[in-house]
Protein backbone atom coordinates (compact mmCIF):
# COMPACT_ATOMS: atom_id res chain seq x y z
CA MET A 1 0.00 0.00 0.00
CA SER A 2 1.48 3.31 -1.09
CA GLU A 3 1.47 6.60 0.81
CA ALA A 4 -1.00 7.96 -1.72
CA ASP A 5 -3.36 5.06 -1.01
CA LEU A 6 -3.26 5.80 2.70
CA ILE A 7 -4.12 9.51 2.35
CA VAL A 8 -7.91 9.48 2.06
CA ARG A 9 -9.63 12.84 1.99
CA ASP A 10 -13.25 13.89 2.38
CA VAL A 11 -14.66 10.51 3.44
CA LYS A 12 -18.40 10.89 3.99
CA VAL A 13 -20.27 8.76 6.51
CA GLU A 14 -23.93 8.89 7.43
CA ALA A 15 -24.34 11.06 10.53
CA ASP A 16 -25.95 8.29 12.58
CA ALA A 17 -23.65 5.50 11.38
CA ILE A 18 -21.10 5.94 14.18
CA PRO A 19 -21.85 7.00 17.76
CA ALA A 20 -20.50 10.40 18.76
CA ARG A 21 -19.30 9.01 22.09
CA GLN A 22 -18.38 5.38 22.69
CA ALA A 23 -17.02 3.51 25.69
CA ILE A 24 -15.53 0.11 26.40
CA ILE A 25 -15.27 -1.64 29.75
CA ASP A 26 -12.54 -4.25 29.46
CA ILE A 27 -12.66 -6.92 32.19
CA GLY A 28 -9.17 -8.36 32.00
CA SER A 29 -7.40 -10.95 34.11
CA ASN A 30 -5.24 -8.37 35.86
CA SER A 31 -7.10 -5.06 35.48
CA ILE A 32 -10.54 -3.72 34.67
CA ARG A 33 -10.59 -0.55 32.62
CA LEU A 34 -13.09 1.97 31.32
CA VAL A 35 -12.15 4.06 28.30
CA VAL A 36 -14.52 6.66 26.84
CA TYR A 37 -13.86 7.79 23.27
CA GLY A 38 -15.02 10.74 21.19
CA GLY A 39 -13.95 12.70 18.14
CA PRO A 40 -13.19 11.47 14.62
CA PRO A 41 -14.40 7.89 14.00
CA ARG A 42 -11.16 6.66 12.42
CA ILE A 43 -8.97 7.75 15.30
CA PRO A 44 -11.17 8.60 18.30
CA ALA A 45 -9.70 10.62 21.14
CA THR A 46 -9.65 9.26 24.68
CA LEU A 47 -11.97 11.39 26.81
CA PHE A 48 -11.65 9.31 30.00
CA ASN A 49 -9.45 6.39 31.03
CA GLU A 50 -9.41 4.62 34.40
CA LYS A 51 -8.31 1.19 35.54
CA VAL A 52 -8.69 -0.89 38.68
CA MET A 53 -6.19 -3.66 39.39
CA ALA A 54 -8.70 -6.35 40.42
CA GLY A 55 -6.40 -9.35 39.85
CA LEU A 56 -9.22 -11.66 38.74
CA GLY A 57 -6.78 -14.23 37.41
CA ARG A 58 -4.44 -14.29 40.40
CA SER A 59 -5.90 -17.39 42.05
CA LEU A 60 -6.86 -19.36 38.94
CA ASP A 61 -3.91 -21.74 38.85
CA GLU A 62 -4.34 -22.66 42.52
CA THR A 63 -8.13 -22.88 42.87
CA GLY A 64 -9.55 -22.66 39.35
CA ALA A 65 -11.76 -19.83 40.56
CA ILE A 66 -11.72 -16.06 40.96
CA ALA A 67 -11.18 -15.11 44.60
CA PRO A 68 -14.29 -13.68 46.31
CA ALA A 69 -12.40 -10.50 47.24
CA ALA A 70 -11.45 -9.99 43.59
CA ILE A 71 -15.08 -10.37 42.54
CA GLU A 72 -16.08 -7.70 45.06
CA THR A 73 -13.36 -5.35 43.80
CA ALA A 74 -14.50 -5.98 40.23
CA ALA A 75 -18.16 -5.41 41.05
CA ARG A 76 -17.40 -2.05 42.70
CA ALA A 77 -15.31 -0.99 39.70
CA LEU A 78 -18.03 -2.02 37.25
CA ALA A 79 -20.68 -0.10 39.17
CA ARG A 80 -18.52 3.03 39.13
CA PHE A 81 -17.69 2.66 35.46
CA LYS A 82 -21.34 2.14 34.48
CA THR A 83 -22.32 5.27 36.43
CA ILE A 84 -19.59 7.37 34.81
CA ALA A 85 -20.57 6.16 31.33
CA ASP A 86 -24.19 7.11 32.02
CA LEU A 87 -23.20 10.54 33.33
CA MET A 88 -21.09 11.13 30.21
CA HIS A 89 -24.11 10.23 28.04
CA VAL A 90 -22.19 7.57 26.17
CA ASP A 91 -24.06 6.57 23.01
CA ARG A 92 -22.69 3.05 22.94
CA LEU A 93 -21.20 1.14 25.89
CA ARG A 94 -19.59 -2.20 25.19
CA THR A 95 -18.39 -4.49 28.00
CA VAL A 96 -16.07 -7.40 27.25
CA ALA A 97 -14.40 -10.02 29.44
CA THR A 98 -11.37 -12.13 28.61
CA ALA A 99 -9.29 -15.04 29.96
CA ALA A 100 -9.92 -14.95 33.73
CA VAL A 101 -13.70 -14.85 33.44
CA ARG A 102 -13.56 -17.27 30.52
CA ASP A 103 -11.51 -19.86 32.43
CA ALA A 104 -12.74 -19.50 36.00
CA SER A 105 -15.19 -22.00 37.45
CA ASN A 106 -17.12 -19.11 38.99
CA GLY A 107 -16.86 -16.71 36.08
CA ALA A 108 -20.64 -16.75 35.81
CA VAL A 109 -20.84 -15.20 39.28
CA LEU A 110 -19.05 -12.07 38.07
CA LEU A 111 -21.15 -12.00 34.91
CA GLY A 112 -24.27 -12.11 37.09
CA ARG A 113 -23.03 -9.23 39.22
CA ALA A 114 -22.35 -7.24 36.04
CA ALA A 115 -25.83 -7.99 34.70
CA ALA A 116 -27.38 -6.76 37.94
CA ILE A 117 -25.56 -3.45 37.43
CA GLY A 118 -27.02 -3.22 33.92
CA LEU A 119 -24.01 -4.40 31.92
CA ASP A 120 -24.36 -6.95 29.13
CA VAL A 121 -20.93 -8.59 29.09
CA GLU A 122 -19.53 -10.22 25.95
CA LEU A 123 -17.32 -13.15 26.96
CA LEU A 124 -14.66 -13.22 24.26
CA THR A 125 -13.07 -16.47 23.16
CA GLY A 126 -9.29 -16.65 22.98
CA GLU A 127 -9.39 -16.29 19.21
CA GLN A 128 -11.73 -13.30 19.41
CA GLU A 129 -9.36 -11.70 21.90
CA ALA A 130 -6.43 -12.33 19.56
CA GLU A 131 -8.37 -10.93 16.59
CA ALA A 132 -9.29 -7.74 18.44
CA ALA A 133 -5.71 -7.10 19.61
CA ALA A 134 -4.42 -7.63 16.08
CA MET A 135 -7.03 -5.24 14.69
CA GLY A 136 -5.87 -2.69 17.23
CA VAL A 137 -2.34 -2.86 15.88
CA LEU A 138 -3.64 -2.51 12.32
CA ALA A 139 -5.70 0.50 13.38
CA ALA A 140 -2.53 2.28 14.51
CA MET A 141 -0.07 0.80 12.00
CA PRO A 142 -1.95 0.02 8.76
CA GLY A 143 1.11 -1.39 7.04
CA ALA A 144 2.15 -3.70 9.88
CA ASP A 145 3.43 -7.11 8.78
CA GLY A 146 4.39 -9.65 11.43
CA ILE A 147 3.16 -11.28 14.63
CA VAL A 148 1.05 -9.49 17.24
CA GLY A 149 1.70 -10.66 20.79
CA ASP A 150 -0.91 -9.50 23.32
CA LEU A 151 0.13 -10.31 26.88
CA GLY A 152 -2.54 -10.11 29.54
CA GLY A 153 -2.88 -11.40 33.05
CA GLY A 154 -4.41 -14.75 32.11
CA SER A 155 -3.39 -15.40 28.52
CA LEU A 156 -1.08 -14.65 25.63
CA GLU A 157 -2.60 -14.12 22.20
CA LEU A 158 -0.58 -14.39 18.98
CA SER A 159 -1.86 -13.27 15.58
CA ARG A 160 -0.37 -13.08 12.10
CA ILE A 161 -1.08 -9.78 10.34
CA ALA A 162 -0.20 -8.63 6.82
CA ALA A 163 -1.71 -6.44 4.08
CA GLY A 164 -4.19 -4.92 6.52
CA ARG A 165 -5.67 -8.29 7.51
CA VAL A 166 -5.56 -10.76 10.37
CA LEU A 167 -4.49 -14.03 8.76
CA ASP A 168 -4.20 -16.40 11.74
CA ARG A 169 -4.69 -16.27 15.49
CA ALA A 170 -4.23 -18.37 18.63
CA SER A 171 -4.55 -18.04 22.41
CA PHE A 172 -2.32 -19.62 25.05
CA PRO A 173 -2.71 -19.84 28.88
CA LEU A 174 0.53 -17.90 29.38
CA GLY A 175 -0.54 -14.66 31.06
CA VAL A 176 1.76 -12.91 33.54
CA LEU A 177 -0.30 -14.17 36.49
CA ARG A 178 0.35 -17.77 35.39
CA ILE A 179 4.05 -17.50 34.58
CA ALA A 180 5.31 -17.44 38.18
CA ALA A 181 4.39 -21.09 38.74
CA LEU A 182 6.25 -22.15 35.60
CA ARG A 183 9.35 -20.19 36.58
CA SER A 184 9.57 -22.02 39.90
CA THR A 185 10.86 -25.13 38.08
CA LYS A 186 14.01 -24.80 36.03
CA GLY A 187 13.34 -25.01 32.31
CA ALA A 188 9.56 -25.36 32.73
CA LEU A 189 8.71 -22.04 31.08
CA GLU A 190 10.88 -22.75 28.06
CA ARG A 191 9.43 -26.27 27.64
CA THR A 192 5.85 -25.10 28.05
CA VAL A 193 6.16 -22.27 25.54
CA ARG A 194 7.91 -24.51 23.02
CA GLU A 195 5.26 -27.23 23.36
CA GLN A 196 2.32 -24.86 23.10
CA LEU A 197 3.70 -22.96 20.12
CA GLY A 198 4.50 -26.28 18.47
CA GLN A 199 0.81 -27.20 18.58
CA THR A 200 -0.03 -24.16 16.46
CA PRO A 201 0.83 -25.10 12.83
CA TRP A 202 0.71 -21.62 11.29
CA LEU A 203 3.49 -20.40 13.57
CA ALA A 204 5.98 -22.68 11.79
CA SER A 205 5.95 -20.35 8.78
CA ALA A 206 5.73 -17.15 10.83
CA ARG A 207 9.25 -16.95 12.19
CA ARG A 208 11.83 -14.19 11.60
CA LEU A 209 9.13 -11.51 11.51
CA PRO A 210 8.63 -8.37 13.58
CA LEU A 211 6.83 -8.97 16.88
CA PHE A 212 4.32 -6.24 17.80
CA LEU A 213 4.00 -5.97 21.56
CA VAL A 214 0.54 -5.27 23.03
CA GLY A 215 -0.39 -5.07 26.70
CA GLY A 216 0.56 -3.04 29.75
CA SER A 217 3.26 -5.40 31.00
CA TRP A 218 5.20 -5.30 27.75
CA ARG A 219 4.78 -1.54 27.44
CA ALA A 220 6.25 -1.29 30.93
CA LEU A 221 9.25 -3.34 29.79
CA ALA A 222 9.70 -0.96 26.88
CA ARG A 223 9.81 1.98 29.30
CA VAL A 224 12.59 0.25 31.21
CA ASP A 225 14.53 -0.23 27.97
CA MET A 226 13.97 3.43 27.03
CA ALA A 227 15.43 4.48 30.38
CA LEU A 228 18.41 2.15 30.04
CA SER A 229 19.22 3.45 26.56
CA THR A 230 18.50 7.12 27.40
CA TYR A 231 16.11 7.20 24.47
CA PRO A 232 15.32 10.87 23.73
CA LEU A 233 11.63 10.55 22.74
CA PRO A 234 9.40 9.74 25.77
CA ILE A 235 6.64 8.04 23.75
CA VAL A 236 6.24 4.29 24.03
CA HIS A 237 3.97 3.73 21.02
CA GLY A 238 6.08 2.73 18.04
CA TYR A 239 9.20 2.24 20.16
CA MET A 240 11.41 -0.37 18.51
CA MET A 241 13.83 -2.77 20.17
CA ALA A 242 16.29 -5.25 18.76
CA PRO A 243 15.64 -8.94 19.59
CA SER A 244 18.67 -8.87 21.87
CA ALA A 245 16.78 -6.47 24.15
CA ALA A 246 14.49 -9.28 25.34
CA PRO A 247 17.09 -11.44 27.18
CA ARG A 248 18.90 -8.31 28.34
CA LEU A 249 15.72 -6.97 29.92
CA ALA A 250 15.08 -10.30 31.62
CA ARG A 251 18.54 -10.18 33.21
CA THR A 252 18.17 -6.51 34.15
CA ILE A 253 14.76 -6.94 35.78
CA ALA A 254 16.01 -9.93 37.76
CA ALA A 255 18.90 -7.85 39.14
CA THR A 256 16.93 -4.64 39.83
CA THR A 257 15.02 -3.80 42.99
CA ARG A 258 11.48 -2.46 43.03
CA GLU A 259 12.77 0.79 44.47
CA GLU A 260 15.10 1.20 41.50
CA LEU A 261 12.32 0.37 39.05
CA ARG A 262 10.10 3.03 40.59
CA MET A 263 12.64 5.58 39.38
CA VAL A 264 11.94 4.71 35.72
CA PRO A 265 10.01 7.62 34.12
CA SER A 266 6.32 6.92 33.39
CA LEU A 267 6.54 3.32 34.62
CA SER A 268 3.26 2.38 36.30
CA GLY A 269 3.84 1.11 39.82
CA SER A 270 1.08 -1.47 39.37
CA ARG A 271 3.10 -3.16 36.61
CA ILE A 272 6.36 -3.58 38.53
CA ALA A 273 5.27 -6.76 40.32
CA ASN A 274 4.83 -8.63 37.01
CA LEU A 275 7.88 -7.35 35.12
CA GLY A 276 9.91 -10.46 35.94
CA GLU A 277 7.28 -12.75 34.44
CA ALA A 278 6.71 -10.49 31.43
CA SER A 279 10.43 -10.23 30.65
CA ALA A 280 11.05 -13.96 31.10
CA LEU A 281 8.21 -14.84 28.72
CA LEU A 282 9.32 -12.26 26.16
CA ALA A 283 12.87 -13.64 26.13
CA VAL A 284 11.59 -17.18 25.50
CA LEU A 285 9.06 -16.08 22.89
CA VAL A 286 11.59 -14.04 20.92
CA ARG A 287 13.96 -16.99 20.88
CA GLU A 288 11.25 -19.42 19.74
CA LEU A 289 9.85 -17.11 17.06
CA GLN A 290 13.31 -15.84 16.04
CA SER A 291 11.73 -12.38 15.98
CA LYS A 292 13.29 -9.86 13.62
CA SER A 293 12.44 -6.84 15.78
CA LEU A 294 10.17 -5.79 18.65
CA ILE A 295 7.71 -2.92 18.10
CA VAL A 296 5.47 -1.56 20.84
CA SER A 297 1.83 -0.72 20.14
CA ALA A 298 -0.25 1.44 22.48
CA TYR A 299 -3.31 0.19 20.60
CA GLY A 300 -4.74 -3.21 21.39
CA LEU A 301 -7.98 -5.00 22.11
CA ARG A 302 -10.20 -2.00 22.88
CA GLU A 303 -9.07 0.03 19.87
CA GLY A 304 -9.35 -3.09 17.75
CA LEU A 305 -12.99 -3.57 18.72
CA LEU A 306 -13.75 0.01 17.65
CA PHE A 307 -11.76 -0.29 14.44
CA ALA A 308 -13.43 -3.54 13.40
CA ALA A 309 -16.86 -1.89 13.65
CA LEU A 310 -16.04 0.99 11.28
CA PRO A 311 -17.43 1.25 7.74
CA THR A 312 -14.86 0.13 5.19
CA ALA A 313 -14.31 3.61 3.78
CA VAL A 314 -13.58 5.09 7.22
CA ALA A 315 -11.30 2.22 8.23
CA ALA A 316 -9.25 2.86 5.07
CA GLU A 317 -8.31 6.39 6.18
CA ASP A 318 -4.73 7.10 7.20
CA PRO A 319 -4.85 7.41 11.03
CA LEU A 320 -2.23 10.15 11.17
CA ILE A 321 -3.90 12.27 8.51
CA ALA A 322 -7.36 11.75 10.00
CA ALA A 323 -6.15 12.88 13.44
CA CYS A 324 -4.20 15.88 12.11
CA ARG A 325 -7.11 16.99 9.94
CA GLU A 326 -9.43 16.86 12.95
CA GLU A 327 -6.91 18.82 15.04
CA GLY A 328 -6.70 21.43 12.30
CA HIS A 329 -10.48 21.74 12.13
CA VAL A 330 -10.82 22.13 15.89
CA GLN A 331 -7.83 24.38 16.61
CA GLY A 332 -7.21 26.16 13.32
CA ARG A 333 -8.85 29.30 11.97
CA PHE A 334 -9.76 28.10 8.47
CA PRO A 335 -10.77 24.40 8.13
CA GLU A 336 -9.71 24.02 4.48
CA HIS A 337 -6.34 25.69 5.01
CA GLY A 338 -4.16 22.61 5.57
CA ASP A 339 -5.11 20.67 2.45
CA LEU A 340 -4.85 23.75 0.24
CA LEU A 341 -1.48 24.64 1.70
CA ASP A 342 -0.14 21.14 1.03
CA ARG A 343 -1.27 21.28 -2.60
CA TRP A 344 0.29 24.74 -2.97
CA ILE A 345 3.77 23.74 -1.75
CA ALA A 346 3.79 20.23 -3.28
CA PRO A 347 5.50 21.32 -6.57
CA LEU A 348 8.60 22.22 -4.56
CA PHE A 349 9.03 18.63 -3.36
CA PRO A 350 8.75 16.26 -6.33
CA GLY A 351 8.99 12.54 -5.87
CA GLY A 352 6.56 12.29 -2.99
CA THR A 353 9.16 11.50 -0.32
CA ASP A 354 7.39 11.61 3.04
CA ALA A 355 4.37 13.22 1.37
CA ARG A 356 2.01 12.18 4.16
CA LEU A 357 4.27 13.76 6.80
CA ARG A 358 4.32 16.99 4.80
CA LEU A 359 0.53 16.90 4.59
CA ALA A 360 0.34 16.32 8.36
CA ALA A 361 2.53 19.38 8.92
CA CYS A 362 0.29 21.51 6.70
CA LEU A 363 -2.84 20.30 8.49
CA LEU A 364 -1.34 21.26 11.86
CA ALA A 365 0.31 24.49 10.75
CA ASP A 366 -2.55 26.74 11.83
CA THR A 367 -3.18 25.13 15.23
CA GLY A 368 -0.68 27.20 17.22
CA TRP A 369 -2.16 30.63 16.61
CA ARG A 370 -3.83 30.85 20.04
CA ALA A 371 -0.52 30.32 21.84
CA ASN A 372 1.53 33.11 23.37
CA PRO A 373 3.50 34.60 20.45
CA GLU A 374 6.74 34.08 22.37
CA PHE A 375 6.10 30.32 22.48
CA ARG A 376 4.21 29.53 19.28
CA ALA A 377 7.15 27.74 17.69
CA GLU A 378 7.78 25.69 20.82
CA ARG A 379 4.11 24.76 21.13
CA ALA A 380 4.01 23.78 17.47
CA PHE A 381 7.09 21.60 17.93
CA GLU A 382 5.58 19.88 20.97
CA ASN A 383 2.37 19.21 19.10
CA GLY A 384 4.20 17.64 16.18
CA ALA A 385 6.87 15.64 17.97
CA HIS A 386 4.99 14.70 21.15
CA GLY A 387 1.36 14.79 20.01
CA ASN A 388 -0.98 11.87 20.55
CA TRP A 389 -0.52 10.51 17.05
CA VAL A 390 -0.36 6.99 15.65
CA GLY A 391 0.62 5.91 12.17
CA ILE A 392 3.95 7.67 12.67
CA ASP A 393 7.35 6.48 13.87
CA ALA A 394 10.04 8.32 15.83
CA ARG A 395 11.70 9.66 12.69
CA GLY A 396 8.36 10.96 11.46
CA ARG A 397 7.69 12.72 14.75
CA VAL A 398 11.03 14.47 14.52
CA LEU A 399 10.37 15.68 10.97
CA LEU A 400 6.86 16.81 11.86
CA GLY A 401 8.10 18.69 14.90
CA GLN A 402 10.90 20.38 12.98
CA ALA A 403 8.64 21.43 10.12
CA LEU A 404 6.12 23.00 12.48
CA PHE A 405 8.79 24.70 14.57
CA THR A 406 10.19 26.32 11.44
CA ALA A 407 6.74 27.21 10.08
CA LEU A 408 5.89 29.09 13.28
CA GLY A 409 9.07 31.15 13.14
CA GLY A 410 11.44 29.06 15.23
CA GLY A 411 14.14 28.66 12.61
CA ALA A 412 16.06 25.47 11.89
CA ASP A 413 17.27 24.29 15.31
CA ALA A 414 14.56 22.71 17.44
CA LEU A 415 15.63 19.20 18.16
CA GLY A 416 18.52 18.77 20.57
CA SER A 417 19.04 15.05 21.23
CA LEU A 418 16.04 14.20 19.03
CA ALA A 419 18.17 15.05 15.99
CA THR A 420 19.76 11.60 16.32
CA LEU A 421 16.47 10.01 15.25
CA ALA A 422 16.55 11.40 11.68
CA SER A 423 19.18 12.02 9.05
CA ALA A 424 20.57 15.47 8.28
CA GLN A 425 19.02 15.24 4.80
CA ASP A 426 15.60 14.49 6.30
CA LEU A 427 15.86 17.39 8.72
CA ARG A 428 16.83 19.80 5.97
CA ARG A 429 13.77 18.73 3.98
CA ALA A 430 11.57 19.33 7.04
CA VAL A 431 13.02 22.83 7.44
CA ARG A 432 12.16 23.54 3.80
CA TRP A 433 8.61 22.29 4.37
CA GLY A 434 8.37 24.69 7.29
CA LEU A 435 9.64 27.67 5.32
CA ALA A 436 7.30 26.91 2.41
CA ILE A 437 4.36 26.60 4.83
CA ARG A 438 5.39 29.88 6.47
CA LEU A 439 5.42 31.64 3.08
CA GLY A 440 2.03 30.22 2.05
CA GLN A 441 0.44 31.26 5.32
CA ARG A 442 1.77 34.82 5.10
CA LEU A 443 0.86 35.25 1.44
CA SER A 444 -2.70 33.99 1.89
CA GLY A 445 -3.45 35.24 5.39
CA GLY A 446 -4.71 31.71 6.01
CA VAL A 447 -7.70 32.00 3.68
CA ALA A 448 -8.40 29.88 0.65
CA GLU A 449 -8.60 32.03 -2.46
CA PRO A 450 -4.96 33.26 -2.65
CA LEU A 451 -3.73 29.67 -2.46
CA ARG A 452 -6.12 28.67 -5.24
CA ARG A 453 -5.17 31.57 -7.55
CA THR A 454 -1.38 31.65 -7.03
CA SER A 455 1.34 29.06 -7.43
CA ILE A 456 4.96 28.38 -6.59
CA ALA A 457 7.37 26.20 -8.52
CA ILE A 458 11.00 25.56 -9.37
CA ASP A 459 12.12 26.69 -12.83
CA GLY A 460 15.75 25.78 -13.44
CA LYS A 461 17.73 27.69 -10.82
CA ALA A 462 14.85 29.97 -9.89
CA LEU A 463 12.09 29.73 -7.34
CA VAL A 464 9.08 31.26 -9.08
CA LEU A 465 6.07 32.71 -7.27
CA GLN A 466 3.34 33.19 -9.84
CA LEU A 467 0.81 35.93 -9.07
CA ASN A 468 -2.21 37.10 -11.05
CA ASP A 469 -2.53 40.85 -11.59
CA GLY A 470 -5.32 41.00 -9.04
CA ASP A 471 -3.16 39.34 -6.39
CA ARG A 472 0.00 41.43 -6.69
CA ALA A 473 -1.12 43.59 -3.80
CA LEU A 474 -0.65 40.53 -1.57
CA TYR A 475 3.10 40.66 -2.16
CA GLY A 476 4.11 42.89 0.73
CA ASP A 477 7.40 43.23 2.61
CA ALA A 478 6.66 40.33 4.97
CA VAL A 479 5.88 38.05 2.02
CA ASP A 480 9.04 39.15 0.21
CA LYS A 481 11.15 38.36 3.26
CA ARG A 482 9.75 34.86 3.61
CA PHE A 483 9.98 34.19 -0.11
CA ARG A 484 13.66 35.13 -0.17
CA GLN A 485 14.34 33.06 2.93
CA LEU A 486 12.84 29.96 1.31
CA ALA A 487 14.70 30.56 -1.95
CA SER A 488 17.99 30.95 -0.08
CA GLU A 489 17.46 27.72 1.85
CA MET A 490 16.76 25.88 -1.41
CA GLY A 491 19.78 27.44 -3.18
CA LEU A 492 17.57 29.17 -5.76
CA GLU A 493 17.05 32.70 -7.04
CA PRO A 494 13.68 34.22 -6.07
CA ARG A 495 11.55 35.41 -8.97
CA VAL A 496 8.02 36.80 -8.96
CA GLY A 497 6.08 36.08 -12.14
């Protein structure tokens, strides 16, 4: 799938086809979580997010049942979450339960308590759980090709994804709450994983592929690795690790105290207790699958359930472009400005290299105008590099941040240690995007007609700004200054035609 295929504009959906506000209650083996979503259907924003560590699966291996205290904790959490969803006037509330409730002898007790609260719980099978997690990864990374590994408290789901589809899936009783018992006997974890994977025929042809990591325990491991490597971008989604990181993390976690782990930035304290099990399983899994790389996804089961319910045309949208276009509509002054600006500057950048990143920069270019003028460039940079985007990697964030910093008057030096995440050639291109955006905004005043009636192009060694007679009054001193600055950066002579 090409970049052009991913950039879908002006998708129209019936107004009542997708709820304006949706929520999911996810009853997992370790935690129960409510997430309320709103905003654009393709990439809904999180309006509320809360979890309760109920530990429903903690006693399963010993008793086969959920502990009564855990059921009480879960019931209180579900009552609160149902009340909050009602108060927020959620249009559609979906409640799902996974491995612990599925496997427990008294799972029906919890389902009954949920029904009494007014919740209709869908009890997902292992394969349905695997499918939803895989769809979540595809929602955030449409071009993903590899194995999705979703680690929960009670189970591990593996799925094969490629070409925007889930090809195969399987579920294994290898959640973090069940790994401790296997680790108590030398070699038991390795033997168990090998035996269970060996009973899944499709995995034999799925080795040496990227492994996409889903689940809070594996995201926590990634945060530890980010701290160890002094990684400059504090965003876990899309973080990539070499396969060698898995055994190294297992050794590091085993030799690190809880007090030391609490010093890791953004590491949830509730995840520390299970890091040993999560790291041990990851090391074994990477060795068995001969994984090519490890890539973290912040999207998983819940996002996958939403994504799978979308109309085909909406699901086909590029998630980065959809989110940036919505941000531009909400925060910008002129809704059509971003798309027009991208079309206006496109002739300066033939070949389409990183075209979707350039479009994202144009869509966001008008969102910083409310900021204090002294900090507009900094705010624009933060929005680009650290914004809540998916469908973009670390390099892309750096280019987006640099382009916006330059467009808002910050010049060419915004990055500091982040500059190591992109090449000098890439960064220079992002600066040129920023200068071209800056010129287009000043020439047009942000409105549509000047961008439709004028053009800019490269003619030999000249940068040519073509103006109609009726638009020559737009070419003031400020426009001239920005035009010459762009021409100088591109090594061209400025010429007004």
